[in-house]
C-alpha atoms as a PDB file:
ATOM      1  CA  MET A   1     -38.200  -8.774   4.821  1.00  0.00           C
ATOM      2  CA  VAL A   2     -36.223  -5.557   4.383  1.00  0.00           C
ATOM      3  CA  GLN A   3     -33.262  -5.365   6.748  1.00  0.00           C
ATOM      4  CA  ILE A   4     -31.510  -2.164   7.819  1.00  0.00           C
ATOM      5  CA  LYS A   5     -28.078  -2.270   9.428  1.00  0.00           C
ATOM      6  CA  GLU A   6     -25.678   0.568  10.140  1.00  0.00           C
ATOM      7  CA  PHE A   7     -21.973  -0.207  10.313  1.00  0.00           C
ATOM      8  CA  ARG A   8     -19.694   2.380  11.905  1.00  0.00           C
ATOM      9  CA  ILE A   9     -15.988   2.177  11.081  1.00  0.00           C
ATOM     10  CA  VAL A  10     -13.729   4.504  13.077  1.00  0.00           C
ATOM     11  CA  MET A  11     -10.426   5.460  11.411  1.00  0.00           C
ATOM     12  CA  PRO A  12      -7.240   7.099  12.797  1.00  0.00           C
ATOM     13  CA  MET A  13      -7.083   9.809  10.142  1.00  0.00           C
ATOM     14  CA  SER A  14      -8.723  13.074   9.090  1.00  0.00           C
ATOM     15  CA  LEU A  15     -11.653  13.394   6.688  1.00  0.00           C
ATOM     16  CA  GLU A  16      -9.321  14.836   4.039  1.00  0.00           C
ATOM     17  CA  GLU A  17      -6.837  11.996   4.451  1.00  0.00           C
ATOM     18  CA  TYR A  18      -9.556   9.356   4.326  1.00  0.00           C
ATOM     19  CA  GLN A  19     -10.793  10.556   0.928  1.00  0.00           C
ATOM     20  CA  VAL A  20      -7.340   9.894  -0.551  1.00  0.00           C
ATOM     21  CA  ALA A  21      -6.901   6.665   1.436  1.00  0.00           C
ATOM     22  CA  GLN A  22     -10.230   5.255   0.257  1.00  0.00           C
ATOM     23  CA  MET A  23      -9.622   5.973  -3.414  1.00  0.00           C
ATOM     24  CA  TYR A  24      -6.124   4.497  -3.247  1.00  0.00           C
ATOM     25  CA  MET A  25      -7.430   1.422  -1.441  1.00  0.00           C
ATOM     26  CA  VAL A  26     -10.228   0.808  -3.972  1.00  0.00           C
ATOM     27  CA  ALA A  27      -7.845   0.972  -6.934  1.00  0.00           C
ATOM     28  CA  LYS A  28      -5.284  -1.330  -5.292  1.00  0.00           C
ATOM     29  CA  MET A  29      -7.840  -3.874  -4.048  1.00  0.00           C
ATOM     30  CA  GLN A  30      -9.432  -4.077  -7.508  1.00  0.00           C
ATOM     31  CA  GLN A  31      -6.029  -4.953  -8.942  1.00  0.00           C
ATOM     32  CA  GLN A  32      -5.322  -7.539  -6.253  1.00  0.00           C
ATOM     33  CA  ASN A  33      -8.699  -9.269  -6.522  1.00  0.00           C
ATOM     34  CA  SER A  34      -8.924  -9.522 -10.309  1.00  0.00           C
ATOM     35  CA  ASN A  35      -7.576 -12.749 -11.761  1.00  0.00           C
ATOM     36  CA  GLY A  36      -8.681 -14.665 -14.841  1.00  0.00           C
ATOM     37  CA  ASP A  37     -12.466 -14.649 -15.197  1.00  0.00           C
ATOM     38  CA  GLU A  38     -13.099 -13.138 -11.758  1.00  0.00           C
ATOM     39  CA  GLY A  39     -12.606  -9.655 -10.414  1.00  0.00           C
ATOM     40  CA  VAL A  40     -13.928  -6.132 -10.889  1.00  0.00           C
ATOM     41  CA  ASP A  41     -14.732  -4.714 -14.323  1.00  0.00           C
ATOM     42  CA  VAL A  42     -14.949  -0.893 -14.344  1.00  0.00           C
ATOM     43  CA  LEU A  43     -17.365   0.037 -17.138  1.00  0.00           C
ATOM     44  CA  GLU A  44     -17.772   3.709 -16.340  1.00  0.00           C
ATOM     45  CA  ASN A  45     -15.969   6.276 -14.179  1.00  0.00           C
ATOM     46  CA  ARG A  46     -16.908   9.907 -14.742  1.00  0.00           C
ATOM     47  CA  PRO A  47     -17.777  13.131 -12.929  1.00  0.00           C
ATOM     48  CA  PHE A  48     -21.419  14.031 -12.246  1.00  0.00           C
ATOM     49  CA  GLU A  49     -23.228  17.099 -10.942  1.00  0.00           C
ATOM     50  CA  HIS A  50     -26.376  17.159  -8.811  1.00  0.00           C
ATOM     51  CA  ASP A  51     -28.580  20.119  -7.868  1.00  0.00           C
ATOM     52  CA  VAL A  52     -28.568  19.293  -4.140  1.00  0.00           C
ATOM     53  CA  PHE A  53     -25.329  17.389  -3.519  1.00  0.00           C
ATOM     54  CA  GLY A  54     -23.078  19.207  -5.944  1.00  0.00           C
ATOM     55  CA  ARG A  55     -20.263  17.538  -7.831  1.00  0.00           C
ATOM     56  CA  GLY A  56     -18.985  14.001  -7.456  1.00  0.00           C
ATOM     57  CA  GLN A  57     -17.796  10.876  -9.230  1.00  0.00           C
ATOM     58  CA  TYR A  58     -20.102   8.257 -10.748  1.00  0.00           C
ATOM     59  CA  THR A  59     -18.928   4.676 -11.330  1.00  0.00           C
ATOM     60  CA  PHE A  60     -20.527   1.573 -12.799  1.00  0.00           C
ATOM     61  CA  LYS A  61     -18.778  -1.727 -12.044  1.00  0.00           C
ATOM     62  CA  VAL A  62     -19.397  -5.428 -12.491  1.00  0.00           C
ATOM     63  CA  TYR A  63     -18.159  -7.748  -9.736  1.00  0.00           C
ATOM     64  CA  ARG A  64     -17.472 -11.390 -10.569  1.00  0.00           C
ATOM     65  CA  PHE A  65     -16.701 -13.499  -7.501  1.00  0.00           C
ATOM     66  CA  GLN A  66     -18.401 -16.787  -8.340  1.00  0.00           C
ATOM     67  CA  SER A  67     -15.884 -18.924  -6.453  1.00  0.00           C
ATOM     68  CA  LYS A  68     -16.746 -17.169  -3.170  1.00  0.00           C
ATOM     69  CA  ALA A  69     -20.416 -18.197  -3.221  1.00  0.00           C
ATOM     70  CA  PRO A  70     -21.464 -20.227  -0.146  1.00  0.00           C
ATOM     71  CA  ALA A  71     -21.934 -23.948  -0.763  1.00  0.00           C
ATOM     72  CA  TRP A  72     -25.666 -23.815   0.037  1.00  0.00           C
ATOM     73  CA  LEU A  73     -26.206 -21.166  -2.651  1.00  0.00           C
ATOM     74  CA  LYS A  74     -24.443 -23.282  -5.269  1.00  0.00           C
ATOM     75  CA  THR A  75     -26.941 -26.115  -4.732  1.00  0.00           C
ATOM     76  CA  PHE A  76     -29.725 -24.257  -6.568  1.00  0.00           C
ATOM     77  CA  ALA A  77     -28.122 -21.260  -8.288  1.00  0.00           C
ATOM     78  CA  PRO A  78     -25.715 -21.206 -11.264  1.00  0.00           C
ATOM     79  CA  ALA A  79     -22.099 -20.110 -11.065  1.00  0.00           C
ATOM     80  CA  ASP A  80     -22.923 -16.550 -12.130  1.00  0.00           C
ATOM     81  CA  ALA A  81     -25.318 -15.991  -9.217  1.00  0.00           C
ATOM     82  CA  LEU A  82     -22.670 -13.825  -7.550  1.00  0.00           C
ATOM     83  CA  VAL A  83     -22.148 -11.536 -10.531  1.00  0.00           C
ATOM     84  CA  MET A  84     -23.135  -8.133  -9.162  1.00  0.00           C
ATOM     85  CA  HIS A  85     -23.737  -4.775 -10.828  1.00  0.00           C
ATOM     86  CA  GLU A  86     -22.724  -1.757  -8.750  1.00  0.00           C
ATOM     87  CA  GLU A  87     -23.624   1.876  -9.353  1.00  0.00           C
ATOM     88  CA  ALA A  88     -22.063   4.452  -7.047  1.00  0.00           C
ATOM     89  CA  TRP A  89     -22.488   8.200  -6.682  1.00  0.00           C
ATOM     90  CA  ASN A  90     -19.609   9.542  -4.614  1.00  0.00           C
ATOM     91  CA  SER A  91     -20.049  13.139  -3.495  1.00  0.00           C
ATOM     92  CA  TYR A  92     -17.663  13.048  -0.565  1.00  0.00           C
ATOM     93  CA  PRO A  93     -18.301  13.179   2.355  1.00  0.00           C
ATOM     94  CA  ARG A  94     -21.520  11.469   1.215  1.00  0.00           C
ATOM     95  CA  CYS A  95     -21.903   8.473  -1.053  1.00  0.00           C
ATOM     96  CA  LYS A  96     -24.673   6.181  -2.295  1.00  0.00           C
ATOM     97  CA  THR A  97     -24.112   2.720  -3.759  1.00  0.00           C
ATOM     98  CA  VAL A  98     -26.772   0.489  -5.346  1.00  0.00           C
ATOM     99  CA  ILE A  99     -25.968  -3.176  -5.952  1.00  0.00           C
ATOM    100  CA  LYS A 100     -28.134  -5.491  -8.040  1.00  0.00           C
ATOM    101  CA  CYS A 101     -27.824  -9.092  -9.162  1.00  0.00           C
ATOM    102  CA  PRO A 102     -28.988 -10.000 -12.692  1.00  0.00           C
ATOM    103  CA  TYR A 103     -29.811 -13.557 -11.564  1.00  0.00           C
ATOM    104  CA  PHE A 104     -31.911 -12.542  -8.532  1.00  0.00           C
ATOM    105  CA  THR A 105     -33.886  -9.763 -10.210  1.00  0.00           C
ATOM    106  CA  LYS A 106     -35.941  -8.844  -7.103  1.00  0.00           C
ATOM    107  CA  PHE A 107     -32.839  -8.483  -4.951  1.00  0.00           C
ATOM    108  CA  SER A 108     -31.608  -5.022  -3.998  1.00  0.00           C
ATOM    109  CA  LEU A 109     -28.862  -3.732  -1.723  1.00  0.00           C
ATOM    110  CA  THR A 110     -28.234  -0.062  -1.023  1.00  0.00           C
ATOM    111  CA  ILE A 111     -25.343   1.419   0.943  1.00  0.00           C
ATOM    112  CA  GLU A 112     -25.597   5.041   2.020  1.00  0.00           C
ATOM    113  CA  THR A 113     -22.426   6.422   3.584  1.00  0.00           C
ATOM    114  CA  VAL A 114     -21.812   9.558   5.602  1.00  0.00           C
ATOM    115  CA  HIS A 115     -18.274  10.402   6.738  1.00  0.00           C
ATOM    116  CA  LYS A 116     -17.869  12.511   9.876  1.00  0.00           C
ATOM    117  CA  ALA A 117     -14.958  13.825  11.919  1.00  0.00           C
ATOM    118  CA  ASP A 118     -15.937  11.973  15.101  1.00  0.00           C
ATOM    119  CA  ASN A 119     -15.330   8.643  16.851  1.00  0.00           C
ATOM    120  CA  GLY A 120     -18.556   6.874  15.915  1.00  0.00           C
ATOM    121  CA  ARG A 121     -20.867   8.325  18.560  1.00  0.00           C
ATOM    122  CA  SER A 122     -23.288  10.266  16.321  1.00  0.00           C
ATOM    123  CA  ASP A 123     -26.724   8.685  16.634  1.00  0.00           C
ATOM    124  CA  ASN A 124     -28.617   9.498  13.431  1.00  0.00           C
ATOM    125  CA  VAL A 125     -26.351  10.865  10.700  1.00  0.00           C
ATOM    126  CA  HIS A 126     -28.649   9.440   8.006  1.00  0.00           C
ATOM    127  CA  ASN A 127     -31.712  11.335   9.281  1.00  0.00           C
ATOM    128  CA  LEU A 128     -33.811   8.181   9.566  1.00  0.00           C
ATOM    129  CA  SER A 129     -37.485   8.246  10.512  1.00  0.00           C
ATOM    130  CA  GLU A 130     -38.701   6.819  13.817  1.00  0.00           C
ATOM    131  CA  GLU A 131     -39.868   3.702  11.981  1.00  0.00           C
ATOM    132  CA  GLN A 132     -36.477   3.234  10.322  1.00  0.00           C
ATOM    133  CA  LEU A 133     -34.636   3.812  13.604  1.00  0.00           C
ATOM    134  CA  ALA A 134     -36.748   1.121  15.247  1.00  0.00           C
ATOM    135  CA  ALA A 135     -35.778  -1.350  12.515  1.00  0.00           C
ATOM    136  CA  ARG A 136     -32.118  -0.332  12.322  1.00  0.00           C
ATOM    137  CA  GLN A 137     -29.349  -2.428  13.896  1.00  0.00           C
ATOM    138  CA  VAL A 138     -26.038  -0.733  14.715  1.00  0.00           C
ATOM    139  CA  GLU A 139     -22.620  -2.393  14.831  1.00  0.00           C
ATOM    140  CA  VAL A 140     -19.318  -0.604  15.448  1.00  0.00           C
ATOM    141  CA  LEU A 141     -16.484  -2.312  13.575  1.00  0.00           C
ATOM    142  CA  ASP A 142     -12.979  -2.213  15.046  1.00  0.00           C
ATOM    143  CA  ILE A 143     -10.255  -2.377  12.383  1.00  0.00           C
ATOM    144  CA  ALA A 144      -7.859  -3.662  15.065  1.00  0.00           C
ATOM    145  CA  SER A 145     -10.058  -6.689  15.835  1.00  0.00           C
ATOM    146  CA  THR A 146      -8.601 -10.116  15.073  1.00  0.00           C
ATOM    147  CA  ALA A 147     -11.953 -11.963  15.127  1.00  0.00           C
ATOM    148  CA  ARG A 148     -12.699 -13.971  11.960  1.00  0.00           C
ATOM    149  CA  ASP A 149     -15.700 -15.738  10.397  1.00  0.00           C
ATOM    150  CA  TYR A 150     -16.478 -17.514   7.080  1.00  0.00           C
ATOM    151  CA  TRP A 151     -16.657 -14.301   5.065  1.00  0.00           C
ATOM    152  CA  SER A 152     -13.501 -12.938   6.675  1.00  0.00           C
ATOM    153  CA  TYR A 153     -11.580 -15.950   5.374  1.00  0.00           C
ATOM    154  CA  ALA A 154     -13.326 -15.777   1.967  1.00  0.00           C
ATOM    155  CA  ILE A 155     -12.735 -12.053   1.446  1.00  0.00           C
ATOM    156  CA  ALA A 156      -9.911 -10.941   3.716  1.00  0.00           C
ATOM    157  CA  SER A 157      -6.164 -11.301   3.279  1.00  0.00           C
ATOM    158  CA  ASN A 158      -4.896  -8.538   5.585  1.00  0.00           C
ATOM    159  CA  ASN A 159      -3.430 -10.197   8.672  1.00  0.00           C
ATOM    160  CA  VAL A 160      -1.544  -7.197  10.065  1.00  0.00           C
ATOM    161  CA  ASP A 161      -1.583  -6.995  13.863  1.00  0.00           C
ATOM    162  CA  PHE A 162      -2.512  -3.360  14.476  1.00  0.00           C
ATOM    163  CA  SER A 163      -1.715  -3.702  18.176  1.00  0.00           C
ATOM    164  CA  LYS A 164       1.936  -3.741  17.016  1.00  0.00           C
ATOM    165  CA  PHE A 165       1.670  -1.644  13.824  1.00  0.00           C
ATOM    166  CA  LYS A 166       3.239   1.823  13.635  1.00  0.00           C
ATOM    167  CA  SER A 167       3.256   4.056  10.555  1.00  0.00           C
ATOM    168  CA  LYS A 168       6.771   5.184   9.634  1.00  0.00           C
ATOM    169  CA  ARG A 169       5.618   8.374   7.903  1.00  0.00           C
ATOM    170  CA  THR A 170       2.952   9.539  10.358  1.00  0.00           C
ATOM    171  CA  GLY A 171       3.876   7.822  13.624  1.00  0.00           C
ATOM    172  CA  ARG A 172       0.292   6.604  14.066  1.00  0.00           C
ATOM    173  CA  GLY A 173      -0.302   3.344  15.872  1.00  0.00           C
ATOM    174  CA  PRO A 174      -0.254   0.920  17.477  1.00  0.00           C
ATOM    175  CA  LEU A 175      -4.027   0.544  17.981  1.00  0.00           C
ATOM    176  CA  SER A 176      -4.485  -0.837  21.487  1.00  0.00           C
ATOM    177  CA  GLU A 177      -7.850  -1.424  23.178  1.00  0.00           C
ATOM    178  CA  GLY A 178      -9.948   1.749  23.333  1.00  0.00           C
ATOM    179  CA  TRP A 179      -7.843   3.536  20.686  1.00  0.00           C
ATOM    180  CA  GLN A 180     -10.980   5.114  19.151  1.00  0.00           C
ATOM    181  CA  ASP A 181     -11.389   7.382  22.195  1.00  0.00           C
ATOM    182  CA  ARG A 182      -7.758   8.490  22.287  1.00  0.00           C
ATOM    183  CA  CYS A 183      -6.545   8.973  18.717  1.00  0.00           C
ATOM    184  CA  ASN A 184      -6.242  12.312  16.929  1.00  0.00           C
ATOM    185  CA  PRO A 185      -7.064  12.824  14.103  1.00  0.00           C
ATOM    186  CA  VAL A 186     -10.136  10.577  13.956  1.00  0.00           C
ATOM    187  CA  MET A 187     -13.130  10.092  11.652  1.00  0.00           C
ATOM    188  CA  THR A 188     -15.936   7.596  11.101  1.00  0.00           C
ATOM    189  CA  ALA A 189     -17.556   6.059   8.026  1.00  0.00           C
ATOM    190  CA  TYR A 190     -21.253   5.531   8.822  1.00  0.00           C
ATOM    191  CA  LYS A 191     -22.514   2.918   6.351  1.00  0.00           C
ATOM    192  CA  LEU A 192     -26.254   2.281   6.271  1.00  0.00           C
ATOM    193  CA  VAL A 193     -27.007  -0.999   4.488  1.00  0.00           C
ATOM    194  CA  THR A 194     -30.577  -1.671   3.341  1.00  0.00           C
ATOM    195  CA  ILE A 195     -31.097  -5.114   1.841  1.00  0.00           C
ATOM    196  CA  ASP A 196     -34.141  -6.879   0.459  1.00  0.00           C
ATOM    197  CA  ALA A 197     -34.242 -10.393  -1.033  1.00  0.00           C
ATOM    198  CA  PRO A 198     -37.978 -11.205  -1.270  1.00  0.00           C
ATOM    199  CA  TYR A 199     -37.612 -14.890  -2.062  1.00  0.00           C
ATOM    200  CA  TRP A 200     -39.591 -17.492  -0.159  1.00  0.00           C
ATOM    201  CA  GLY A 201     -37.519 -20.164   1.515  1.00  0.00           C
ATOM    202  CA  PHE A 202     -34.046 -18.675   1.141  1.00  0.00           C
ATOM    203  CA  GLY A 203     -34.462 -14.875   1.010  1.00  0.00           C
ATOM    204  CA  TYR A 204     -33.645 -14.275   4.670  1.00  0.00           C
ATOM    205  CA  ARG A 205     -30.617 -16.570   4.493  1.00  0.00           C
ATOM    206  CA  LEU A 206     -29.382 -14.738   1.411  1.00  0.00           C
ATOM    207  CA  GLU A 207     -29.827 -11.378   3.158  1.00  0.00           C
ATOM    208  CA  GLN A 208     -27.868 -12.572   6.193  1.00  0.00           C
ATOM    209  CA  ALA A 209     -25.072 -13.984   4.022  1.00  0.00           C
ATOM    210  CA  LEU A 210     -24.705 -10.751   2.076  1.00  0.00           C
ATOM    211  CA  LEU A 211     -24.820  -8.608   5.215  1.00  0.00           C
ATOM    212  CA  ALA A 212     -22.006 -10.751   6.617  1.00  0.00           C
ATOM    213  CA  GLY A 213     -20.142 -10.375   3.328  1.00  0.00           C
ATOM    214  CA  GLU A 214     -20.495  -6.584   3.390  1.00  0.00           C
ATOM    215  CA  ARG A 215     -19.310  -6.524   7.008  1.00  0.00           C
ATOM    216  CA  ALA A 216     -16.181  -8.508   6.123  1.00  0.00           C
ATOM    217  CA  LEU A 217     -15.540  -6.288   3.093  1.00  0.00           C
ATOM    218  CA  PHE A 218     -15.890  -3.115   5.175  1.00  0.00           C
ATOM    219  CA  LEU A 219     -13.382  -4.453   7.691  1.00  0.00           C
ATOM    220  CA  GLU A 220     -10.907  -5.638   5.068  1.00  0.00           C
ATOM    221  CA  SER A 221     -11.021  -2.424   3.037  1.00  0.00           C
ATOM    222  CA  HIS A 222     -10.633  -0.163   6.063  1.00  0.00           C
ATOM    223  CA  ARG A 223      -7.851  -2.292   7.518  1.00  0.00           C
ATOM    224  CA  ASN A 224      -6.085  -1.846   4.186  1.00  0.00           C
ATOM    225  CA  CYS A 225      -6.650   1.924   4.283  1.00  0.00           C
ATOM    226  CA  PHE A 226      -4.643   2.132   7.494  1.00  0.00           C
ATOM    227  CA  ASP A 227      -2.135  -0.593   6.633  1.00  0.00           C
ATOM    228  CA  TRP A 228      -1.211   1.227   3.398  1.00  0.00           C
ATOM    229  CA  ILE A 229      -0.993   4.691   4.998  1.00  0.00           C
ATOM    230  CA  ASP A 230       2.722   5.042   4.201  1.00  0.00           C
ATOM    231  CA  GLU A 231       1.913   4.428   0.509  1.00  0.00           C
ATOM    232  CA  TRP A 232      -0.891   6.984   0.041  1.00  0.00           C
ATOM    233  CA  PHE A 233      -0.008   9.608   2.670  1.00  0.00           C
ATOM    234  CA  GLY A 234       0.846  12.923   0.983  1.00  0.00           C
ATOM    235  CA  MET A 235      -0.724  12.042  -2.391  1.00  0.00           C
ATOM    236  CA  THR A 236      -2.826  14.641  -4.194  1.00  0.00           C
ATOM    237  CA  MET A 237      -6.277  14.024  -5.659  1.00  0.00           C
ATOM    238  CA  GLN A 238      -4.795  14.386  -9.154  1.00  0.00           C
ATOM    239  CA  GLN A 239      -2.310  11.588  -8.433  1.00  0.00           C
ATOM    240  CA  ILE A 240      -5.133   9.395  -7.135  1.00  0.00           C
ATOM    241  CA  ARG A 241      -7.241  10.018 -10.278  1.00  0.00           C
ATOM    242  CA  GLU A 242      -4.274   8.975 -12.428  1.00  0.00           C
ATOM    243  CA  ILE A 243      -3.929   5.743 -10.422  1.00  0.00           C
ATOM    244  CA  GLU A 244      -7.675   5.099 -10.894  1.00  0.00           C
ATOM    245  CA  GLN A 245      -7.412   5.488 -14.663  1.00  0.00           C
ATOM    246  CA  GLN A 246      -4.358   3.216 -14.855  1.00  0.00           C
ATOM    247  CA  SER A 247      -6.083   0.658 -12.641  1.00  0.00           C
ATOM    248  CA  GLY A 248      -9.242   0.625 -14.779  1.00  0.00           C
ATOM    249  CA  SER A 249      -7.306   0.096 -18.003  1.00  0.00           C
ATOM    250  CA  SER A 250      -5.175  -2.670 -16.503  1.00  0.00           C
ATOM    251  CA  LEU A 251      -8.196  -4.484 -15.103  1.00  0.00           C
ATOM    252  CA  ASN A 252     -10.046  -4.413 -18.409  1.00  0.00           C
ATOM    253  CA  GLU A 253      -6.981  -5.803 -20.192  1.00  0.00           C
ATOM    254  CA  ARG A 254      -6.723  -8.659 -17.654  1.00  0.00           C
ATOM    255  CA  LEU A 255     -10.372  -9.556 -18.021  1.00  0.00           C
ATOM    256  CA  GLY A 256     -10.276  -9.358 -21.814  1.00  0.00           C
ATOM    257  CA  LYS A 257     -12.373  -6.171 -22.018  1.00  0.00           C
ATOM    258  CA  PRO A 258     -11.817  -3.026 -24.100  1.00  0.00           C
ATOM    259  CA  THR A 259      -9.300  -0.743 -22.398  1.00  0.00           C
ATOM    260  CA  SER A 260     -11.525   2.334 -22.672  1.00  0.00           C
ATOM    261  CA  MET A 261     -14.241   2.720 -20.052  1.00  0.00           C
ATOM    262  CA  THR A 262     -17.623   2.552 -21.736  1.00  0.00           C
ATOM    263  CA  THR A 263     -21.172   3.118 -20.580  1.00  0.00           C
ATOM    264  CA  LYS A 264     -23.261   0.020 -20.037  1.00  0.00           C
ATOM    265  CA  GLU A 265     -25.537  -0.382 -23.077  1.00  0.00           C
ATOM    266  CA  GLY A 266     -29.047   0.834 -22.399  1.00  0.00           C
ATOM    267  CA  PHE A 267     -28.157   2.265 -18.974  1.00  0.00           C
ATOM    268  CA  GLU A 268     -29.672   5.600 -18.083  1.00  0.00           C
ATOM    269  CA  SER A 269     -27.538   7.591 -15.642  1.00  0.00           C
ATOM    270  CA  ARG A 270     -29.438   8.701 -12.536  1.00  0.00           C
ATOM    271  CA  CYS A 271     -27.243  11.089 -10.575  1.00  0.00           C
ATOM    272  CA  PHE A 272     -28.683  11.003  -7.071  1.00  0.00           C
ATOM    273  CA  LEU A 273     -27.383  10.241  -3.605  1.00  0.00           C
END
């Protein structure tokens, strides 16, 4: 059964700041989470142009996080069941990501993101149909929350208490209860996750596990965006692109891959959002 869930992550920053923060966070998290045979392998990172959405950045990555697979999945699937292929078309403030798993060939997960300068109260930023709206679940994620679950412990490492955190360079923080309605600047990442694992017996369980994993990843990555604000604040897009290139080369060297970013063999680029 196809599941549709919209996660809304409110951030204490402007749309322009978030673009830099997100790119910095992605590069740094890829470095932190790549070790030995596991991590993120960036195979392609290049500009693209689309008739409707204009210019953006296309990336193709391979994620290897076999050790984080739930115990129940390991009982019938091999170690590489959590090797994921990710294609992303980032035309900020919009982005589309498609994730596939070579082992579960029928599985598909799509994340469509719209970034808006609001506090998470927009009702239908993805222009969903009435049928889609009826099926959609909405959850607002609070980056200041301290609640944890299995995936939080498996994925997350950021334990900063944002109720006590204050940025030295911007003066933003701490984030006390109800901060989303008081902070300025403010913006929201609206992430629409559509997932389908049509496998009898375990498909629904797999969908739920991956939705929980995406939720934990969204929280961790956005907590890092704010936690690292004094590192990325004031950076230009050119500086961020240079960090991306350095990060990609370093990751490939760690994982024993060629240092130049190459296109996946046989892959046909489809620049859409």
